[in-house]
Protein backbone atom coordinates (compact mmCIF):
# COMPACT_ATOMS: atom_id res chain seq x y z
CA UNK A 1 126.68 82.62 97.20
CA UNK A 2 125.85 78.99 97.77
CA UNK A 3 124.08 77.97 100.96
CA UNK A 4 127.35 76.56 102.18
CA UNK A 5 129.07 79.83 101.72
CA UNK A 6 126.22 81.69 103.35
CA UNK A 7 126.42 79.40 106.44
CA UNK A 8 130.17 80.01 106.67
CA UNK A 9 129.56 83.90 106.23
CA UNK A 10 126.95 83.86 108.99
CA UNK A 11 129.33 82.06 111.45
CA UNK A 12 132.15 84.51 110.47
CA UNK A 13 129.97 87.68 110.96
CA UNK A 14 128.44 86.34 114.46
CA UNK A 15 131.86 85.20 115.76
CA UNK A 16 133.45 88.60 114.79
CA UNK A 17 130.65 90.84 116.55
CA UNK A 18 130.69 88.46 119.59
CA UNK A 19 134.05 90.13 120.44
CA UNK A 20 132.50 93.53 120.68
CA UNK A 21 131.76 94.85 124.13
CA UNK A 22 128.44 96.54 123.45
CA UNK A 23 126.93 95.17 120.09
CA UNK A 24 123.99 97.60 119.56
CA UNK A 25 121.44 96.61 117.11
CA UNK A 26 120.95 96.67 114.13
CA UNK A 27 124.51 95.47 113.75
CA UNK A 28 125.83 96.92 110.52
CA UNK A 29 129.04 95.15 109.12
CA UNK A 30 131.00 95.80 105.93
CA UNK A 31 133.21 92.98 104.75
CA UNK A 32 136.38 94.76 103.65
CA UNK A 33 137.64 91.78 101.86
CA UNK A 34 134.57 91.86 99.63
CA UNK A 35 134.54 95.61 99.37
CA UNK A 36 138.18 95.56 98.21
CA UNK A 37 137.57 92.86 95.75
CA UNK A 38 134.72 94.72 94.45
CA UNK A 39 136.76 97.87 93.99
CA UNK A 40 139.35 95.95 92.02
CA UNK A 41 136.75 94.50 89.90
CA UNK A 42 135.18 97.95 89.12
CA UNK A 43 138.65 99.24 88.18
CA UNK A 44 139.18 96.27 85.83
CA UNK A 45 135.78 96.98 84.15
CA UNK A 46 136.64 100.70 83.83
CA UNK A 47 139.68 99.86 81.86
CA UNK A 48 141.67 102.93 82.92
CA UNK A 49 138.74 105.44 82.95
CA UNK A 50 138.75 107.13 86.44
CA UNK A 51 135.82 106.25 88.79
CA UNK A 52 134.11 108.80 90.69
CA UNK A 53 132.72 107.40 94.13
CA UNK A 54 128.90 107.83 94.48
CA UNK A 55 128.73 108.73 98.14
CA UNK A 56 124.97 108.18 98.20
CA UNK A 57 125.78 104.38 97.96
CA UNK A 58 128.14 104.41 100.87
CA UNK A 59 127.15 107.18 103.40
CA UNK A 60 130.17 106.19 105.42
CA UNK A 61 133.10 108.66 105.29
CA UNK A 62 135.70 105.98 106.08
CA UNK A 63 134.40 103.92 103.20
CA UNK A 64 134.56 106.81 100.88
CA UNK A 65 138.23 107.44 101.97
CA UNK A 66 139.10 103.76 101.54
CA UNK A 67 137.77 103.80 98.00
CA UNK A 68 139.54 107.05 97.07
CA UNK A 69 142.85 105.80 98.45
CA UNK A 70 142.92 103.16 95.58
CA UNK A 71 144.50 104.46 92.44
CA UNK A 72 141.91 104.72 89.87
CA UNK A 73 139.27 106.19 92.02
CA UNK A 74 139.13 110.01 91.90
CA UNK A 75 136.65 112.41 93.37
CA UNK A 76 133.13 112.09 94.88
CA UNK A 77 129.67 112.30 93.24
CA UNK A 78 127.71 113.73 96.05
CA UNK A 79 123.97 113.93 96.63
CA UNK A 80 123.66 117.04 98.80
CA UNK A 81 125.40 120.31 98.85
CA UNK A 82 125.63 120.25 102.64
CA UNK A 83 127.24 116.96 102.43
CA UNK A 84 129.67 118.26 99.87
CA UNK A 85 130.66 121.13 102.07
CA UNK A 86 131.08 118.62 104.90
CA UNK A 87 133.41 116.38 102.90
CA UNK A 88 135.59 119.26 101.68
CA UNK A 89 135.78 120.80 105.28
CA UNK A 90 136.67 117.54 106.75
CA UNK A 91 139.30 116.77 104.00
CA UNK A 92 137.68 113.59 102.78
CA UNK A 93 138.18 114.91 99.23
CA UNK A 94 138.81 118.14 97.40
CA UNK A 95 136.79 117.25 94.41
CA UNK A 96 132.87 116.93 94.68
CA UNK A 97 130.55 116.89 91.90
CA UNK A 98 126.84 117.14 92.92
CA UNK A 99 124.74 114.53 91.10
CA UNK A 100 121.57 116.58 91.43
CA UNK A 101 120.57 120.27 91.38
CA UNK A 102 120.21 122.08 94.70
CA UNK A 103 118.02 125.09 95.88
CA UNK A 104 119.37 124.81 99.49
CA UNK A 105 119.86 128.56 100.09
CA UNK A 106 121.68 128.15 103.36
CA UNK A 107 124.15 125.61 101.86
CA UNK A 108 124.57 127.91 98.80
CA UNK A 109 125.52 130.82 101.06
CA UNK A 110 128.00 128.52 102.73
CA UNK A 111 129.44 127.63 99.30
CA UNK A 112 129.73 131.20 98.27
CA UNK A 113 131.43 132.30 101.46
CA UNK A 114 134.16 129.43 101.25
CA UNK A 115 137.02 129.84 98.74
CA UNK A 116 138.00 126.24 99.67
CA UNK A 117 134.49 124.80 98.77
CA UNK A 118 134.22 126.99 95.69
CA UNK A 119 137.40 125.52 94.30
CA UNK A 120 136.28 121.88 95.26
CA UNK A 121 132.58 121.64 94.48
CA UNK A 122 130.76 121.59 91.22
CA UNK A 123 126.99 122.16 91.22
CA UNK A 124 124.67 120.39 88.81
CA UNK A 125 122.31 122.40 86.69
CA UNK A 126 119.68 121.81 83.94
CA UNK A 127 117.43 124.95 84.15
CA UNK A 128 118.18 128.64 84.36
CA UNK A 129 116.01 128.92 87.36
CA UNK A 130 118.69 127.08 89.36
CA UNK A 131 121.28 129.57 88.39
CA UNK A 132 118.89 132.23 89.50
CA UNK A 133 118.72 130.70 93.05
CA UNK A 134 122.44 130.85 93.20
CA UNK A 135 122.50 134.49 92.25
CA UNK A 136 119.88 135.32 94.89
CA UNK A 137 122.30 134.00 97.54
CA UNK A 138 125.29 136.23 96.42
CA UNK A 139 126.15 139.30 98.52
CA UNK A 140 128.19 140.63 95.50
CA UNK A 141 127.45 141.17 91.85
CA UNK A 142 128.70 137.91 90.43
CA UNK A 143 132.27 138.40 91.79
CA UNK A 144 132.39 134.81 93.10
CA UNK A 145 132.66 132.24 90.52
CA UNK A 146 130.66 128.98 90.98
CA UNK A 147 131.68 125.76 89.16
CA UNK A 148 128.69 124.08 87.36
CA UNK A 149 128.16 121.03 85.20
CA UNK A 150 125.24 120.27 82.91
CA UNK A 151 122.94 117.24 83.66
CA UNK A 152 121.85 116.00 80.38
CA UNK A 153 119.07 113.40 80.05
CA UNK A 154 120.61 109.99 79.15
CA UNK A 155 117.31 108.10 78.68
CA UNK A 156 116.11 106.24 75.57
CA UNK A 157 113.51 107.77 73.45
CA UNK A 158 111.24 105.31 71.47
CA UNK A 159 108.78 107.38 69.62
CA UNK A 160 106.84 109.35 72.33
CA UNK A 161 108.07 106.83 75.09
CA UNK A 162 111.08 107.73 77.45
CA UNK A 163 112.92 104.85 78.91
CA UNK A 164 115.16 105.82 81.93
CA UNK A 165 115.38 108.16 84.95
CA UNK A 166 113.20 111.16 84.81
CA UNK A 167 115.99 113.72 85.30
CA UNK A 168 117.02 116.65 83.19
CA UNK A 169 114.83 118.48 80.52
CA UNK A 170 118.08 118.69 78.31
CA UNK A 171 117.97 116.01 75.75
CA UNK A 172 118.63 117.01 72.14
CA UNK A 173 121.99 118.49 71.34
CA UNK A 174 120.30 121.88 70.33
CA UNK A 175 118.78 122.15 73.90
CA UNK A 176 122.06 121.38 75.59
CA UNK A 177 124.13 123.71 73.46
CA UNK A 178 121.43 126.53 74.05
CA UNK A 179 121.53 126.08 77.78
CA UNK A 180 125.40 125.88 77.74
CA UNK A 181 125.53 129.30 76.05
CA UNK A 182 123.19 130.73 78.66
CA UNK A 183 125.53 129.42 81.44
CA UNK A 184 128.63 130.84 79.61
CA UNK A 185 126.98 134.17 79.21
CA UNK A 186 126.17 134.66 82.86
CA UNK A 187 128.79 136.27 85.14
CA UNK A 188 129.67 134.30 88.27
CA UNK A 189 129.50 130.82 86.71
CA UNK A 190 132.09 128.53 85.11
CA UNK A 191 130.86 125.59 82.99
CA UNK A 192 133.38 122.76 83.75
CA UNK A 193 131.49 119.45 83.06
CA UNK A 194 128.66 117.35 81.83
CA UNK A 195 126.89 114.41 83.34
CA UNK A 196 124.79 111.67 81.59
CA UNK A 197 123.47 109.06 83.94
CA UNK A 198 122.02 106.24 82.04
CA UNK A 199 120.08 104.59 84.90
CA UNK A 200 118.03 102.38 82.52
CA UNK A 201 121.34 100.61 81.82
CA UNK A 202 123.29 101.05 85.07
CA UNK A 203 120.68 100.34 87.52
CA UNK A 204 118.53 97.72 86.14
CA UNK A 205 119.17 93.94 86.68
CA UNK A 206 119.25 91.92 83.34
CA UNK A 207 119.77 88.17 84.26
CA UNK A 208 117.13 87.75 86.92
CA UNK A 209 116.36 84.13 87.70
CA UNK A 210 112.85 82.93 86.54
CA UNK A 211 112.42 86.07 84.57
CA UNK A 212 114.25 85.09 81.23
CA UNK A 213 111.85 86.73 78.86
CA UNK A 214 111.93 90.04 80.88
CA UNK A 215 115.66 89.92 81.23
CA UNK A 216 116.17 89.50 77.45
CA UNK A 217 113.91 92.55 76.89
CA UNK A 218 116.03 94.51 79.45
CA UNK A 219 119.18 93.57 77.68
CA UNK A 220 117.91 94.60 74.14
CA UNK A 221 116.69 97.97 75.61
CA UNK A 222 120.14 98.41 77.28
CA UNK A 223 121.82 97.71 74.04
CA UNK A 224 119.52 100.08 72.11
CA UNK A 225 119.98 102.79 74.74
CA UNK A 226 123.60 102.69 74.75
CA UNK A 227 123.84 102.84 70.83
CA UNK A 228 121.47 105.83 70.81
CA UNK A 229 123.27 107.52 73.71
CA UNK A 230 126.84 107.09 72.32
CA UNK A 231 125.62 108.81 69.03
CA UNK A 232 124.01 111.59 70.92
CA UNK A 233 126.74 112.15 73.36
CA UNK A 234 129.14 112.42 70.49
CA UNK A 235 127.09 115.08 68.82
CA UNK A 236 126.71 117.04 72.08
CA UNK A 237 130.42 116.63 72.88
CA UNK A 238 131.37 117.97 69.36
CA UNK A 239 129.04 121.09 69.85
CA UNK A 240 130.37 121.85 73.19
CA UNK A 241 133.87 121.74 72.17
CA UNK A 242 133.36 124.57 69.89
CA UNK A 243 132.26 126.99 72.74
CA UNK A 244 133.96 125.66 76.04
CA UNK A 245 136.84 123.48 77.32
CA UNK A 246 135.38 121.08 79.83
CA UNK A 247 137.18 119.46 82.65
CA UNK A 248 135.06 116.18 82.78
CA UNK A 249 132.27 114.24 81.34
CA UNK A 250 130.71 111.92 83.99
CA UNK A 251 128.48 108.93 82.98
CA UNK A 252 127.24 105.56 84.06
CA UNK A 253 127.00 103.72 87.23
CA UNK A 254 128.02 100.31 88.81
CA UNK A 255 125.87 98.22 86.37
CA UNK A 256 127.28 99.86 83.20
CA UNK A 257 130.93 100.66 83.89
CA UNK A 258 132.50 99.08 80.94
CA UNK A 259 129.94 100.16 78.46
CA UNK A 260 130.02 103.70 79.62
CA UNK A 261 133.83 103.90 79.80
CA UNK A 262 133.94 102.70 76.18
CA UNK A 263 132.25 105.93 75.10
CA UNK A 264 134.93 108.39 73.75
CA UNK A 265 132.93 111.31 74.96
CA UNK A 266 133.04 110.09 78.69
CA UNK A 267 136.19 110.98 80.80
CA UNK A 268 135.03 109.40 84.06
CA UNK A 269 132.37 106.90 85.27
CA UNK A 270 130.53 106.86 88.48
CA UNK A 271 130.21 103.95 90.94
CA UNK A 272 129.11 103.26 94.48
CA UNK A 273 126.61 100.31 94.78
CA UNK A 274 129.16 98.04 93.15
CA UNK A 275 131.34 98.34 96.16
CA UNK A 276 128.75 97.17 98.62
CA UNK A 277 126.51 95.21 96.14
CA UNK A 278 122.97 95.21 97.71
CA UNK A 279 120.44 92.65 96.53
CA UNK A 280 119.24 94.88 93.59
CA UNK A 281 122.70 94.26 92.02
CA UNK A 282 122.73 90.49 92.26
CA UNK A 283 121.80 89.68 88.73
CA UNK A 284 123.95 91.64 86.22
CA UNK A 285 125.36 90.22 83.17
CA UNK A 286 128.22 92.49 83.36
CA UNK A 287 129.82 91.49 86.68
CA UNK A 288 129.79 88.87 89.55
CA UNK A 289 128.45 90.04 92.72
CA UNK A 290 130.41 90.00 95.96
CA UNK A 291 127.93 91.06 98.81
CA UNK A 292 129.86 93.32 101.30
CA UNK A 293 127.30 94.95 103.47
CA UNK A 294 125.15 93.12 106.03
CA UNK A 295 123.02 94.20 108.98
CA UNK A 296 122.44 91.75 111.78
CA UNK A 297 119.45 91.61 114.32
CA UNK A 298 119.12 89.05 117.08
CA UNK A 299 116.39 86.38 117.66
CA UNK A 300 114.43 87.52 120.55
CA UNK A 301 111.60 84.94 120.67
CA UNK A 302 110.36 81.63 119.26
CA UNK A 303 106.49 81.80 118.70
CA UNK A 304 106.53 78.11 117.49
CA UNK A 305 109.10 75.55 116.64
CA UNK A 306 109.14 76.63 112.96
CA UNK A 307 109.37 80.40 113.50
CA UNK A 308 112.13 82.59 114.99
CA UNK A 309 111.37 86.19 115.56
CA UNK A 310 114.13 88.87 115.22
CA UNK A 311 114.23 92.39 116.52
CA UNK A 312 113.42 94.89 113.78
CA UNK A 313 114.76 94.56 110.53
CA UNK A 314 112.15 96.51 108.40
CA UNK A 315 114.51 98.58 106.35
CA UNK A 316 112.52 98.80 103.09
CA UNK A 317 114.46 100.37 100.27
CA UNK A 318 113.29 103.46 98.23
CA UNK A 319 111.76 103.13 94.76
CA UNK A 320 108.65 101.47 93.48
CA UNK A 321 107.12 99.38 96.20
CA UNK A 322 107.55 95.69 95.61
CA UNK A 323 109.25 92.62 96.87
CA UNK A 324 112.55 93.47 95.51
CA UNK A 325 112.68 96.42 97.99
CA UNK A 326 112.38 94.19 100.96
CA UNK A 327 115.48 93.22 102.93
CA UNK A 328 116.59 89.55 102.49
CA UNK A 329 117.51 87.12 105.32
CA UNK A 330 120.89 86.00 104.11
CA UNK A 331 122.71 84.06 106.82
CA UNK A 332 122.09 81.52 108.10
CA UNK A 333 120.59 80.19 104.90
CA UNK A 334 117.07 78.70 104.59
CA UNK A 335 115.16 81.64 106.17
CA UNK A 336 112.30 83.66 104.76
CA UNK A 337 110.12 86.53 105.82
CA UNK A 338 106.29 85.65 106.27
CA UNK A 339 103.83 86.99 103.74
CA UNK A 340 101.58 88.56 106.44
CA UNK A 341 104.27 90.41 108.47
CA UNK A 342 107.23 90.76 106.21
CA UNK A 343 110.15 92.82 107.64
CA UNK A 344 108.66 94.74 110.44
CA UNK A 345 109.56 97.98 112.30
CA UNK A 346 110.19 96.40 115.64
CA UNK A 347 110.01 92.71 114.96
CA UNK A 348 110.26 90.27 112.02
CA UNK A 349 109.15 86.56 112.12
CA UNK A 350 111.18 84.24 110.05
CA UNK A 351 110.17 80.87 108.62
CA UNK A 352 111.86 78.22 106.38
CA UNK A 353 113.94 75.20 107.03
CA UNK A 354 116.71 77.21 108.81
CA UNK A 355 114.36 78.64 111.44
CA UNK A 356 114.00 75.62 113.64
CA UNK A 357 117.87 75.69 114.41
CA UNK A 358 117.86 79.23 115.62
CA UNK A 359 117.95 80.02 119.34
CA UNK A 360 117.08 83.21 121.24
CA UNK A 361 120.14 85.44 121.09
CA UNK A 362 121.47 84.09 117.68
CA UNK A 363 122.28 86.69 115.08
CA UNK A 364 120.39 86.67 111.67
CA UNK A 365 122.26 88.62 108.96
CA UNK A 366 120.26 90.46 106.28
CA UNK A 367 121.18 92.22 103.01
CA UNK A 368 119.46 95.47 102.20
CA UNK A 369 118.10 95.89 98.74
CA UNK A 370 119.84 99.26 98.01
CA UNK A 371 123.37 100.36 98.76
CA UNK A 372 123.95 103.07 101.31
CA UNK A 373 120.37 103.27 102.74
CA UNK A 374 121.10 100.89 105.59
CA UNK A 375 123.64 103.39 107.00
CA UNK A 376 120.70 105.64 107.74
CA UNK A 377 119.73 103.08 110.37
CA UNK A 378 122.80 103.01 112.50
CA UNK A 379 125.22 105.28 114.03
CA UNK A 380 128.11 102.83 113.68
CA UNK A 381 129.40 100.68 110.83
CA UNK A 382 131.81 97.82 111.93
CA UNK A 383 134.52 96.89 109.37
CA UNK A 384 135.48 93.35 109.07
CA UNK A 385 138.81 92.15 107.71
CA UNK A 386 139.37 88.37 107.64
CA UNK A 387 137.75 87.16 110.96
CA UNK A 388 138.24 90.37 112.89
CA UNK A 389 136.32 93.63 113.32
CA UNK A 390 139.32 96.05 112.70
CA UNK A 391 137.41 99.31 113.26
CA UNK A 392 134.07 100.75 114.18
CA UNK A 393 133.35 103.97 112.30
CA UNK A 394 130.53 106.40 112.20
CA UNK A 395 127.99 106.70 109.45
CA UNK A 396 126.69 110.06 108.42
CA UNK A 397 123.93 109.51 110.92
CA UNK A 398 126.50 108.79 113.68
CA UNK A 399 128.25 112.01 112.85
CA UNK A 400 124.91 113.92 113.45
CA UNK A 401 124.51 114.49 109.70
CA UNK A 402 121.09 114.16 107.97
CA UNK A 403 121.12 115.03 104.31
């Protein structure tokens, strides 16, 4: 966005929330115009391959429903079994694949006792010990069948080095097939899918300003990673076809949609961050970002003519500590966090050429570094269409859910 566009956005957001009777802070707003445009762009990039909505990157049921209502989006990639049970029970979806293994025994007992959930939820596994935990929660001798999918490491191996998320121990085709046979041999489990999440491609920016050399290396690693992964996925897929009929093969993320969808082994891609576009997704060669999620905090004091202090705002993103995990003052333009205080728990001083024009009570709009995490800091998310707040909906937190 240009500075002019950011100024216009700031005025639009502030005017819209000014119509609310009780604007509690932080004021989280999702621009539905941008959200819908991002959804259409993801579908274009997927080229007909279904997109599974990554709920971790939204954490607002109404936004999950909005994405799923669009043809081309199908099912949810969840991050907690308790979340999956809630989504099914509340009829948000009847198809949830867990993106991660679970050892939550209470939630597993809830799954085993619910025919509705058993038909809708797929557990993710990569170790026999995870199957043992499920069996320990059974009241019968394997008479209830649990849907499971294999999480296969999608990292790039360069000699002894591994590039990518440290997820599954299953990497070589022989390891995957051996574990698949173990699953198939155990009563009470049905192997229905595979997931390969190439986070080193989907979750890493590759056109970062002032980092041309690093970005070039990242793009080369991405290209090498996809070439290696396509070949390995093909071998694994061929081996699995001889022993099981799978329902799905999930892969990728918002930053790799088109590359992952082009792989013949993949039947669906995952996406979530690409709907809201946090700052960590600003600099990708594969798509143009349209920021859709913002949080607003008011100016509460003016320590000096060149400094404006806002209430709170210290929502630091997860991951390795660094400047890229800090929220960004976005609108009005020309604002910066200070080096000594940064984004604070209860106050954040702002400097820069835009600070002098701010008055006590003005809204300052930030963007979070990661998608979905800002929803953990509010009970209510306001949905903006055009210039009007059309609905105020609960986040998971607002529903009393902590996963």
